[in-house]
N, C-alpha and C. Protein backbone atom coordinates (compact mmCIF):
# COMPACT_ATOMS: atom_id res chain seq x y z
N MET A 1 -30.52 -34.14 11.07
CA MET A 1 -30.66 -32.72 11.28
C MET A 1 -29.58 -31.99 10.48
N ILE A 2 -29.98 -30.88 9.89
CA ILE A 2 -29.08 -30.08 9.07
C ILE A 2 -29.00 -28.68 9.65
N ALA A 3 -27.79 -28.15 9.76
CA ALA A 3 -27.59 -26.76 10.18
C ALA A 3 -26.98 -26.01 9.01
N LEU A 4 -27.47 -24.81 8.75
CA LEU A 4 -26.95 -24.01 7.65
C LEU A 4 -26.09 -22.87 8.18
N GLY A 5 -25.10 -22.48 7.40
CA GLY A 5 -24.23 -21.38 7.80
C GLY A 5 -23.73 -20.63 6.58
N PRO A 6 -23.15 -19.46 6.83
CA PRO A 6 -22.60 -18.68 5.72
C PRO A 6 -21.37 -19.37 5.13
N GLY A 7 -21.15 -19.14 3.85
CA GLY A 7 -20.02 -19.75 3.18
C GLY A 7 -19.17 -18.73 2.47
N VAL A 8 -19.33 -18.66 1.16
CA VAL A 8 -18.55 -17.73 0.32
C VAL A 8 -19.53 -16.94 -0.54
N PRO A 9 -19.06 -15.83 -1.14
CA PRO A 9 -19.95 -15.07 -2.02
C PRO A 9 -20.53 -15.94 -3.14
N GLN A 10 -21.78 -15.69 -3.47
CA GLN A 10 -22.46 -16.47 -4.49
C GLN A 10 -21.72 -16.42 -5.83
N SER A 11 -21.14 -15.29 -6.17
CA SER A 11 -20.43 -15.18 -7.45
C SER A 11 -19.23 -16.12 -7.50
N LEU A 12 -18.51 -16.26 -6.39
CA LEU A 12 -17.37 -17.19 -6.33
C LEU A 12 -17.86 -18.63 -6.44
N ALA A 13 -18.91 -18.97 -5.69
CA ALA A 13 -19.45 -20.33 -5.73
C ALA A 13 -19.94 -20.68 -7.12
N ASP A 14 -20.63 -19.75 -7.78
CA ASP A 14 -21.13 -20.01 -9.13
C ASP A 14 -19.97 -20.17 -10.12
N GLY A 15 -18.92 -19.38 -9.97
CA GLY A 15 -17.74 -19.53 -10.83
C GLY A 15 -17.07 -20.87 -10.62
N ALA A 16 -16.98 -21.30 -9.36
CA ALA A 16 -16.39 -22.61 -9.06
C ALA A 16 -17.24 -23.73 -9.66
N ARG A 17 -18.56 -23.56 -9.62
CA ARG A 17 -19.44 -24.56 -10.23
C ARG A 17 -19.18 -24.66 -11.73
N ARG A 18 -19.11 -23.52 -12.40
CA ARG A 18 -18.86 -23.52 -13.85
C ARG A 18 -17.49 -24.13 -14.18
N SER A 19 -16.53 -23.98 -13.28
CA SER A 19 -15.19 -24.52 -13.54
C SER A 19 -15.18 -26.05 -13.54
N LEU A 20 -16.27 -26.65 -13.06
CA LEU A 20 -16.38 -28.11 -13.02
C LEU A 20 -17.18 -28.67 -14.20
N ASP A 21 -17.72 -27.79 -15.05
CA ASP A 21 -18.61 -28.21 -16.14
C ASP A 21 -18.00 -29.27 -17.04
N ASP A 22 -16.75 -29.10 -17.46
CA ASP A 22 -16.13 -30.06 -18.38
C ASP A 22 -16.05 -31.45 -17.75
N GLN A 23 -15.70 -31.51 -16.46
CA GLN A 23 -15.61 -32.80 -15.78
C GLN A 23 -16.98 -33.47 -15.70
N VAL A 24 -18.01 -32.68 -15.37
CA VAL A 24 -19.37 -33.23 -15.25
C VAL A 24 -19.86 -33.70 -16.62
N ASP A 25 -19.59 -32.92 -17.66
CA ASP A 25 -19.99 -33.32 -19.02
C ASP A 25 -19.34 -34.64 -19.41
N LYS A 26 -18.07 -34.81 -19.08
CA LYS A 26 -17.37 -36.06 -19.40
C LYS A 26 -17.97 -37.23 -18.65
N LEU A 27 -18.32 -37.04 -17.37
CA LEU A 27 -18.95 -38.11 -16.60
C LEU A 27 -20.29 -38.51 -17.22
N ARG A 28 -21.05 -37.52 -17.68
CA ARG A 28 -22.34 -37.81 -18.33
C ARG A 28 -22.12 -38.62 -19.62
N ILE A 29 -21.15 -38.20 -20.43
CA ILE A 29 -20.84 -38.91 -21.68
C ILE A 29 -20.41 -40.34 -21.38
N ASP A 30 -19.63 -40.53 -20.31
CA ASP A 30 -19.16 -41.86 -19.92
C ASP A 30 -20.24 -42.69 -19.25
N GLY A 31 -21.43 -42.11 -19.04
CA GLY A 31 -22.54 -42.85 -18.42
C GLY A 31 -22.46 -42.99 -16.92
N LYS A 32 -21.59 -42.23 -16.28
CA LYS A 32 -21.41 -42.37 -14.84
C LYS A 32 -22.42 -41.58 -14.02
N LEU A 33 -23.22 -40.74 -14.66
CA LEU A 33 -24.22 -39.97 -13.93
C LEU A 33 -25.63 -40.38 -14.32
N GLU A 34 -25.77 -41.62 -14.79
CA GLU A 34 -27.09 -42.12 -15.15
C GLU A 34 -27.87 -42.47 -13.88
N ALA A 35 -29.18 -42.34 -13.96
CA ALA A 35 -30.04 -42.61 -12.81
C ALA A 35 -29.77 -44.00 -12.23
N GLY A 36 -29.57 -44.03 -10.93
CA GLY A 36 -29.39 -45.28 -10.22
C GLY A 36 -28.03 -45.92 -10.33
N LYS A 37 -27.13 -45.36 -11.13
CA LYS A 37 -25.82 -45.99 -11.33
C LYS A 37 -24.86 -45.70 -10.18
N ALA A 38 -24.88 -44.48 -9.68
CA ALA A 38 -24.01 -44.10 -8.56
C ALA A 38 -24.67 -42.94 -7.85
N THR A 39 -24.27 -42.68 -6.64
CA THR A 39 -24.86 -41.58 -5.90
C THR A 39 -24.09 -40.30 -6.08
N LEU A 40 -22.78 -40.38 -6.00
CA LEU A 40 -21.99 -39.18 -6.22
C LEU A 40 -20.66 -39.56 -6.84
N GLU A 41 -20.09 -38.60 -7.50
CA GLU A 41 -18.79 -38.77 -8.14
C GLU A 41 -17.87 -37.67 -7.66
N ARG A 42 -16.64 -38.03 -7.38
CA ARG A 42 -15.63 -37.03 -7.02
C ARG A 42 -15.15 -36.33 -8.28
N LEU A 43 -14.83 -35.06 -8.12
CA LEU A 43 -14.30 -34.26 -9.21
C LEU A 43 -12.90 -33.77 -8.83
N LYS A 44 -12.13 -33.34 -9.81
CA LYS A 44 -10.80 -32.81 -9.54
C LYS A 44 -10.91 -31.35 -9.12
N TRP A 45 -9.99 -30.95 -8.26
CA TRP A 45 -9.93 -29.55 -7.85
C TRP A 45 -9.60 -28.67 -9.05
N THR A 46 -10.19 -27.49 -9.10
CA THR A 46 -9.85 -26.46 -10.09
C THR A 46 -9.34 -25.25 -9.32
N ASP A 47 -8.79 -24.29 -10.03
CA ASP A 47 -8.32 -23.07 -9.35
C ASP A 47 -9.45 -22.39 -8.58
N LEU A 48 -10.65 -22.35 -9.17
CA LEU A 48 -11.76 -21.67 -8.51
C LEU A 48 -12.34 -22.47 -7.34
N THR A 49 -12.33 -23.81 -7.42
CA THR A 49 -12.81 -24.58 -6.26
C THR A 49 -11.82 -24.45 -5.11
N LEU A 50 -10.52 -24.41 -5.43
CA LEU A 50 -9.52 -24.18 -4.38
C LEU A 50 -9.69 -22.81 -3.74
N LYS A 51 -9.97 -21.79 -4.55
CA LYS A 51 -10.18 -20.45 -4.01
C LYS A 51 -11.41 -20.43 -3.11
N ALA A 52 -12.48 -21.08 -3.52
CA ALA A 52 -13.69 -21.12 -2.70
C ALA A 52 -13.40 -21.79 -1.35
N ALA A 53 -12.66 -22.88 -1.37
CA ALA A 53 -12.31 -23.58 -0.12
C ALA A 53 -11.45 -22.70 0.78
N ARG A 54 -10.44 -22.08 0.20
CA ARG A 54 -9.55 -21.21 1.00
C ARG A 54 -10.30 -20.01 1.56
N ASP A 55 -11.15 -19.39 0.74
CA ASP A 55 -11.93 -18.25 1.22
C ASP A 55 -12.88 -18.66 2.33
N PHE A 56 -13.47 -19.84 2.21
CA PHE A 56 -14.36 -20.32 3.27
C PHE A 56 -13.60 -20.50 4.59
N GLU A 57 -12.40 -21.05 4.52
CA GLU A 57 -11.61 -21.24 5.74
C GLU A 57 -11.35 -19.91 6.45
N GLU A 58 -11.24 -18.84 5.68
CA GLU A 58 -10.98 -17.52 6.28
C GLU A 58 -12.19 -16.97 7.03
N VAL A 59 -13.40 -17.34 6.62
CA VAL A 59 -14.60 -16.74 7.21
C VAL A 59 -15.47 -17.75 7.96
N ALA A 60 -15.08 -19.02 7.98
CA ALA A 60 -15.93 -20.06 8.58
C ALA A 60 -16.29 -19.72 10.02
N ASP A 61 -17.55 -19.91 10.32
CA ASP A 61 -18.09 -19.67 11.66
C ASP A 61 -18.75 -20.96 12.10
N PHE A 62 -18.26 -21.54 13.17
CA PHE A 62 -18.78 -22.83 13.62
C PHE A 62 -19.93 -22.71 14.61
N ALA A 63 -20.60 -21.55 14.66
CA ALA A 63 -21.77 -21.41 15.53
C ALA A 63 -22.91 -22.32 15.05
N SER A 64 -23.13 -22.38 13.74
CA SER A 64 -24.23 -23.21 13.21
C SER A 64 -24.06 -24.69 13.52
N PRO A 65 -22.90 -25.29 13.24
CA PRO A 65 -22.79 -26.72 13.53
C PRO A 65 -22.82 -27.04 15.02
N GLN A 66 -22.57 -26.06 15.88
CA GLN A 66 -22.65 -26.33 17.32
C GLN A 66 -24.07 -26.69 17.73
N THR A 67 -25.08 -26.26 16.94
CA THR A 67 -26.47 -26.60 17.25
C THR A 67 -26.76 -28.08 17.03
N LEU A 68 -25.84 -28.81 16.41
CA LEU A 68 -26.04 -30.23 16.16
C LEU A 68 -25.67 -31.08 17.36
N GLY A 69 -25.17 -30.47 18.41
CA GLY A 69 -24.90 -31.18 19.65
C GLY A 69 -23.65 -32.05 19.65
N VAL A 70 -22.64 -31.66 18.92
CA VAL A 70 -21.39 -32.41 18.91
C VAL A 70 -20.44 -31.77 19.92
N PRO A 71 -20.02 -32.54 20.94
CA PRO A 71 -19.12 -31.96 21.94
C PRO A 71 -17.73 -31.70 21.37
N ASP A 72 -17.04 -30.79 21.99
CA ASP A 72 -15.64 -30.50 21.65
C ASP A 72 -15.45 -29.94 20.24
N LEU A 73 -16.48 -29.32 19.66
CA LEU A 73 -16.34 -28.73 18.34
C LEU A 73 -15.43 -27.52 18.43
N PRO A 74 -14.45 -27.40 17.53
CA PRO A 74 -13.56 -26.24 17.58
C PRO A 74 -14.33 -24.96 17.30
N THR A 75 -13.78 -23.85 17.73
CA THR A 75 -14.45 -22.57 17.51
C THR A 75 -13.93 -21.84 16.27
N HIS A 76 -12.91 -22.37 15.63
CA HIS A 76 -12.35 -21.73 14.44
C HIS A 76 -11.99 -22.78 13.40
N ALA A 77 -11.87 -22.35 12.16
CA ALA A 77 -11.62 -23.27 11.05
C ALA A 77 -10.16 -23.64 10.89
N LYS A 78 -9.26 -22.73 11.25
CA LYS A 78 -7.84 -22.92 10.98
C LYS A 78 -7.35 -24.28 11.48
N GLY A 79 -6.97 -25.13 10.55
CA GLY A 79 -6.43 -26.44 10.89
C GLY A 79 -7.46 -27.48 11.25
N ASN A 80 -8.75 -27.12 11.31
CA ASN A 80 -9.77 -28.07 11.71
C ASN A 80 -10.63 -28.58 10.57
N ILE A 81 -10.56 -27.94 9.40
CA ILE A 81 -11.32 -28.39 8.24
C ILE A 81 -10.43 -29.30 7.40
N LYS A 82 -10.95 -30.46 7.06
CA LYS A 82 -10.27 -31.40 6.18
C LYS A 82 -11.14 -31.56 4.94
N TRP A 83 -10.60 -31.17 3.80
CA TRP A 83 -11.36 -31.16 2.56
C TRP A 83 -11.34 -32.52 1.88
N THR A 84 -12.51 -33.04 1.55
CA THR A 84 -12.63 -34.27 0.77
C THR A 84 -12.51 -33.95 -0.71
N GLY A 85 -13.11 -32.82 -1.12
CA GLY A 85 -12.98 -32.36 -2.49
C GLY A 85 -14.31 -32.10 -3.17
N PRO A 86 -14.25 -31.58 -4.40
CA PRO A 86 -15.46 -31.30 -5.15
C PRO A 86 -16.19 -32.60 -5.52
N ILE A 87 -17.52 -32.54 -5.51
CA ILE A 87 -18.34 -33.70 -5.87
C ILE A 87 -19.52 -33.23 -6.72
N VAL A 88 -20.14 -34.18 -7.41
CA VAL A 88 -21.41 -33.95 -8.09
C VAL A 88 -22.31 -35.12 -7.71
N TYR A 89 -23.56 -34.82 -7.35
CA TYR A 89 -24.54 -35.88 -7.13
C TYR A 89 -25.01 -36.37 -8.49
N SER A 90 -25.23 -37.65 -8.61
CA SER A 90 -25.80 -38.15 -9.85
C SER A 90 -27.32 -37.99 -9.79
N ASP A 91 -27.97 -38.22 -10.92
CA ASP A 91 -29.43 -38.21 -10.94
C ASP A 91 -29.89 -39.53 -10.33
N VAL A 92 -30.48 -39.45 -9.16
CA VAL A 92 -30.75 -40.64 -8.36
C VAL A 92 -32.08 -41.26 -8.78
N SER A 93 -32.11 -42.59 -8.83
CA SER A 93 -33.32 -43.30 -9.24
C SER A 93 -34.44 -43.16 -8.21
N ALA A 94 -35.64 -43.55 -8.60
CA ALA A 94 -36.80 -43.46 -7.72
C ALA A 94 -36.62 -44.31 -6.47
N ASP A 95 -35.86 -45.39 -6.58
CA ASP A 95 -35.57 -46.22 -5.42
C ASP A 95 -34.31 -45.64 -4.77
N PRO A 96 -34.49 -44.82 -3.73
CA PRO A 96 -33.34 -44.07 -3.20
C PRO A 96 -32.28 -44.96 -2.57
N ARG A 97 -31.06 -44.48 -2.63
CA ARG A 97 -29.94 -45.17 -1.97
C ARG A 97 -29.76 -44.59 -0.59
N LYS A 98 -29.54 -45.47 0.39
CA LYS A 98 -29.38 -45.02 1.77
C LYS A 98 -28.00 -45.44 2.25
N TYR A 99 -27.38 -44.56 3.01
CA TYR A 99 -26.05 -44.82 3.55
C TYR A 99 -26.01 -44.39 5.00
N SER A 100 -25.19 -45.06 5.76
CA SER A 100 -24.84 -44.55 7.07
C SER A 100 -23.60 -43.73 6.86
N SER A 101 -23.57 -42.54 7.43
CA SER A 101 -22.39 -41.70 7.29
C SER A 101 -21.26 -42.28 8.13
N SER A 102 -20.11 -41.68 8.00
CA SER A 102 -18.93 -42.11 8.74
C SER A 102 -19.21 -42.15 10.24
N SER A 103 -18.77 -43.18 10.90
CA SER A 103 -18.94 -43.26 12.35
C SER A 103 -17.61 -43.06 13.07
N ILE A 104 -16.63 -42.52 12.36
CA ILE A 104 -15.33 -42.27 12.97
C ILE A 104 -15.51 -41.18 14.02
N ALA A 105 -15.23 -41.49 15.25
CA ALA A 105 -15.54 -40.60 16.37
C ALA A 105 -14.92 -39.22 16.25
N GLU A 106 -13.70 -39.13 15.75
CA GLU A 106 -13.05 -37.82 15.74
C GLU A 106 -13.54 -36.90 14.62
N TYR A 107 -14.39 -37.39 13.74
CA TYR A 107 -14.96 -36.56 12.68
C TYR A 107 -16.45 -36.43 12.90
N GLY A 108 -16.84 -35.58 13.83
CA GLY A 108 -18.24 -35.49 14.22
C GLY A 108 -19.12 -34.72 13.28
N ILE A 109 -18.57 -33.83 12.45
CA ILE A 109 -19.39 -32.98 11.58
C ILE A 109 -18.90 -33.09 10.13
N LEU A 110 -19.84 -33.30 9.22
CA LEU A 110 -19.55 -33.24 7.79
C LEU A 110 -20.19 -31.97 7.26
N GLY A 111 -19.65 -31.42 6.20
CA GLY A 111 -20.20 -30.20 5.62
C GLY A 111 -20.09 -30.23 4.12
N ILE A 112 -20.93 -29.41 3.49
CA ILE A 112 -20.86 -29.25 2.04
C ILE A 112 -21.07 -27.79 1.71
N LEU A 113 -20.13 -27.26 0.94
CA LEU A 113 -20.20 -25.89 0.44
C LEU A 113 -20.88 -25.95 -0.92
N ALA A 114 -22.07 -25.34 -1.05
CA ALA A 114 -22.86 -25.43 -2.28
C ALA A 114 -22.24 -24.60 -3.39
N LEU A 115 -22.06 -25.23 -4.53
CA LEU A 115 -21.60 -24.55 -5.74
C LEU A 115 -22.79 -24.54 -6.69
N GLY A 116 -23.55 -23.47 -6.69
CA GLY A 116 -24.83 -23.42 -7.38
C GLY A 116 -25.90 -23.87 -6.39
N SER A 117 -27.17 -23.68 -6.75
CA SER A 117 -28.25 -24.16 -5.88
C SER A 117 -28.10 -25.66 -5.72
N LEU A 118 -28.33 -26.15 -4.52
CA LEU A 118 -28.06 -27.55 -4.22
C LEU A 118 -29.20 -28.14 -3.40
N VAL A 119 -29.85 -29.16 -3.95
CA VAL A 119 -30.84 -29.91 -3.19
C VAL A 119 -30.06 -30.97 -2.43
N LEU A 120 -30.09 -30.87 -1.11
CA LEU A 120 -29.34 -31.81 -0.28
C LEU A 120 -30.04 -33.16 -0.24
N PRO A 121 -29.29 -34.23 -0.02
CA PRO A 121 -29.94 -35.51 0.25
C PRO A 121 -30.68 -35.40 1.58
N GLU A 122 -31.56 -36.36 1.86
CA GLU A 122 -32.22 -36.38 3.16
C GLU A 122 -31.18 -36.81 4.18
N ILE A 123 -30.96 -35.96 5.15
CA ILE A 123 -29.94 -36.22 6.17
C ILE A 123 -30.64 -36.26 7.51
N GLY A 124 -30.65 -37.44 8.14
CA GLY A 124 -31.33 -37.57 9.42
C GLY A 124 -32.80 -37.21 9.33
N GLY A 125 -33.43 -37.45 8.18
CA GLY A 125 -34.85 -37.15 8.02
C GLY A 125 -35.14 -35.74 7.55
N SER A 126 -34.13 -34.87 7.44
CA SER A 126 -34.33 -33.50 6.97
C SER A 126 -33.88 -33.37 5.52
N SER A 127 -34.58 -32.56 4.76
CA SER A 127 -34.20 -32.30 3.39
C SER A 127 -34.34 -30.81 3.13
N LYS A 128 -33.37 -30.22 2.46
CA LYS A 128 -33.39 -28.79 2.19
C LYS A 128 -32.72 -28.49 0.87
N GLU A 129 -33.06 -27.35 0.31
CA GLU A 129 -32.33 -26.82 -0.83
C GLU A 129 -31.59 -25.59 -0.33
N ILE A 130 -30.32 -25.49 -0.68
CA ILE A 130 -29.54 -24.35 -0.22
C ILE A 130 -29.03 -23.56 -1.41
N GLU A 131 -28.81 -22.27 -1.17
CA GLU A 131 -28.34 -21.38 -2.23
C GLU A 131 -26.84 -21.51 -2.43
N SER A 132 -26.42 -21.13 -3.59
CA SER A 132 -25.01 -21.15 -3.94
C SER A 132 -24.19 -20.33 -2.94
N GLY A 133 -23.10 -20.91 -2.48
CA GLY A 133 -22.23 -20.23 -1.52
C GLY A 133 -22.54 -20.56 -0.07
N THR A 134 -23.70 -21.16 0.20
CA THR A 134 -24.10 -21.52 1.56
C THR A 134 -23.45 -22.85 1.95
N VAL A 135 -23.31 -23.06 3.26
CA VAL A 135 -22.76 -24.30 3.77
C VAL A 135 -23.82 -25.03 4.58
N ALA A 136 -23.91 -26.34 4.39
CA ALA A 136 -24.77 -27.19 5.20
C ALA A 136 -23.89 -28.11 6.03
N TYR A 137 -24.21 -28.23 7.31
CA TYR A 137 -23.47 -29.10 8.23
C TYR A 137 -24.42 -30.20 8.70
N PHE A 138 -23.88 -31.39 8.93
CA PHE A 138 -24.67 -32.46 9.54
C PHE A 138 -23.74 -33.38 10.32
N ARG A 139 -24.33 -34.12 11.25
CA ARG A 139 -23.53 -35.05 12.07
C ARG A 139 -23.09 -36.23 11.21
N ALA A 140 -21.88 -36.67 11.42
CA ALA A 140 -21.35 -37.80 10.66
C ALA A 140 -22.14 -39.07 10.93
N SER A 141 -22.83 -39.14 12.06
CA SER A 141 -23.58 -40.34 12.41
C SER A 141 -24.99 -40.36 11.82
N ASP A 142 -25.44 -39.26 11.21
CA ASP A 142 -26.79 -39.21 10.64
C ASP A 142 -26.89 -40.06 9.37
N PRO A 143 -27.99 -40.80 9.20
CA PRO A 143 -28.17 -41.54 7.95
C PRO A 143 -28.44 -40.58 6.80
N VAL A 144 -27.98 -40.94 5.61
CA VAL A 144 -28.14 -40.10 4.43
C VAL A 144 -28.90 -40.89 3.37
N THR A 145 -29.97 -40.29 2.83
CA THR A 145 -30.75 -40.90 1.75
C THR A 145 -30.69 -39.99 0.54
N TYR A 146 -30.14 -40.49 -0.55
CA TYR A 146 -30.05 -39.71 -1.79
C TYR A 146 -31.32 -39.94 -2.60
N ARG A 147 -32.16 -38.89 -2.68
CA ARG A 147 -33.42 -38.98 -3.40
C ARG A 147 -33.69 -37.61 -4.03
N SER A 148 -33.94 -37.57 -5.30
CA SER A 148 -34.30 -36.33 -6.00
C SER A 148 -33.33 -35.19 -5.74
N CYS A 149 -32.05 -35.48 -5.76
CA CYS A 149 -31.06 -34.42 -5.52
C CYS A 149 -30.00 -34.42 -6.62
N GLY A 150 -30.35 -34.92 -7.77
CA GLY A 150 -29.37 -35.10 -8.84
C GLY A 150 -28.86 -33.81 -9.45
N GLY A 151 -27.59 -33.86 -9.86
CA GLY A 151 -26.99 -32.75 -10.58
C GLY A 151 -26.34 -31.68 -9.74
N GLY A 152 -26.50 -31.74 -8.43
CA GLY A 152 -25.92 -30.71 -7.57
C GLY A 152 -24.43 -30.87 -7.43
N ARG A 153 -23.76 -29.73 -7.24
CA ARG A 153 -22.30 -29.75 -7.06
C ARG A 153 -21.94 -29.03 -5.77
N GLY A 154 -20.90 -29.50 -5.14
CA GLY A 154 -20.43 -28.86 -3.92
C GLY A 154 -19.04 -29.33 -3.59
N ILE A 155 -18.51 -28.80 -2.49
CA ILE A 155 -17.21 -29.23 -2.00
C ILE A 155 -17.46 -29.83 -0.62
N LEU A 156 -17.14 -31.10 -0.48
CA LEU A 156 -17.39 -31.84 0.75
C LEU A 156 -16.20 -31.69 1.70
N PHE A 157 -16.49 -31.58 2.99
CA PHE A 157 -15.43 -31.49 4.00
C PHE A 157 -15.91 -32.07 5.31
N TYR A 158 -14.98 -32.29 6.22
CA TYR A 158 -15.33 -32.67 7.58
C TYR A 158 -14.53 -31.82 8.54
N ILE A 159 -15.04 -31.73 9.74
CA ILE A 159 -14.39 -30.93 10.78
C ILE A 159 -13.82 -31.89 11.80
N THR A 160 -12.53 -31.76 12.05
CA THR A 160 -11.90 -32.62 13.04
C THR A 160 -12.28 -32.17 14.43
N ILE A 161 -12.49 -33.13 15.28
CA ILE A 161 -12.85 -32.86 16.67
C ILE A 161 -11.66 -33.25 17.54
N LYS A 162 -11.20 -32.31 18.31
CA LYS A 162 -10.09 -32.58 19.23
C LYS A 162 -10.67 -33.06 20.55
N ARG A 163 -10.56 -34.33 20.81
CA ARG A 163 -11.10 -34.91 22.04
C ARG A 163 -10.24 -34.52 23.24
N GLN A 164 -10.91 -34.20 24.31
CA GLN A 164 -10.21 -33.86 25.55
C GLN A 164 -9.62 -35.13 26.16
N LYS A 165 -8.40 -35.05 26.63
CA LYS A 165 -7.77 -36.20 27.28
C LYS A 165 -8.30 -36.31 28.70
N VAL A 166 -8.62 -37.53 29.08
CA VAL A 166 -9.18 -37.77 30.42
C VAL A 166 -8.10 -38.25 31.35
């Protein structure tokens, strides 16, 4: 299941996407984004991707991910978002790659801030395309299938869950 939420202005997200062009071009030249070779590649932070992440933290609303049924989800972003960093999906082969997401209990929600239009992988059986600047949330326990989602860029993050002491 995927929940969508507001992120950052489209102009900022598109600028952050363009700031990653040189890195993506180099990965293509090096053959790292060939079909079936890898599912995603990490990219280095740029000034604009850092700005997009910081701006998102200022406006993040966790109402959308609460619909995913994760208990103890924080109500604010401050100190609860942990950034993995910018990524690019590779062009995925016809034989899709499937992964189980992280099962670490304290990281119940994963998210991706779209930099440009982004076709999401199939997450828990759902597949969507999201607009630049939008955020998609999903449970860390949902299976992920990368199929027909090549070339998309985003900033991956997870939300820490503060477990109540019993």
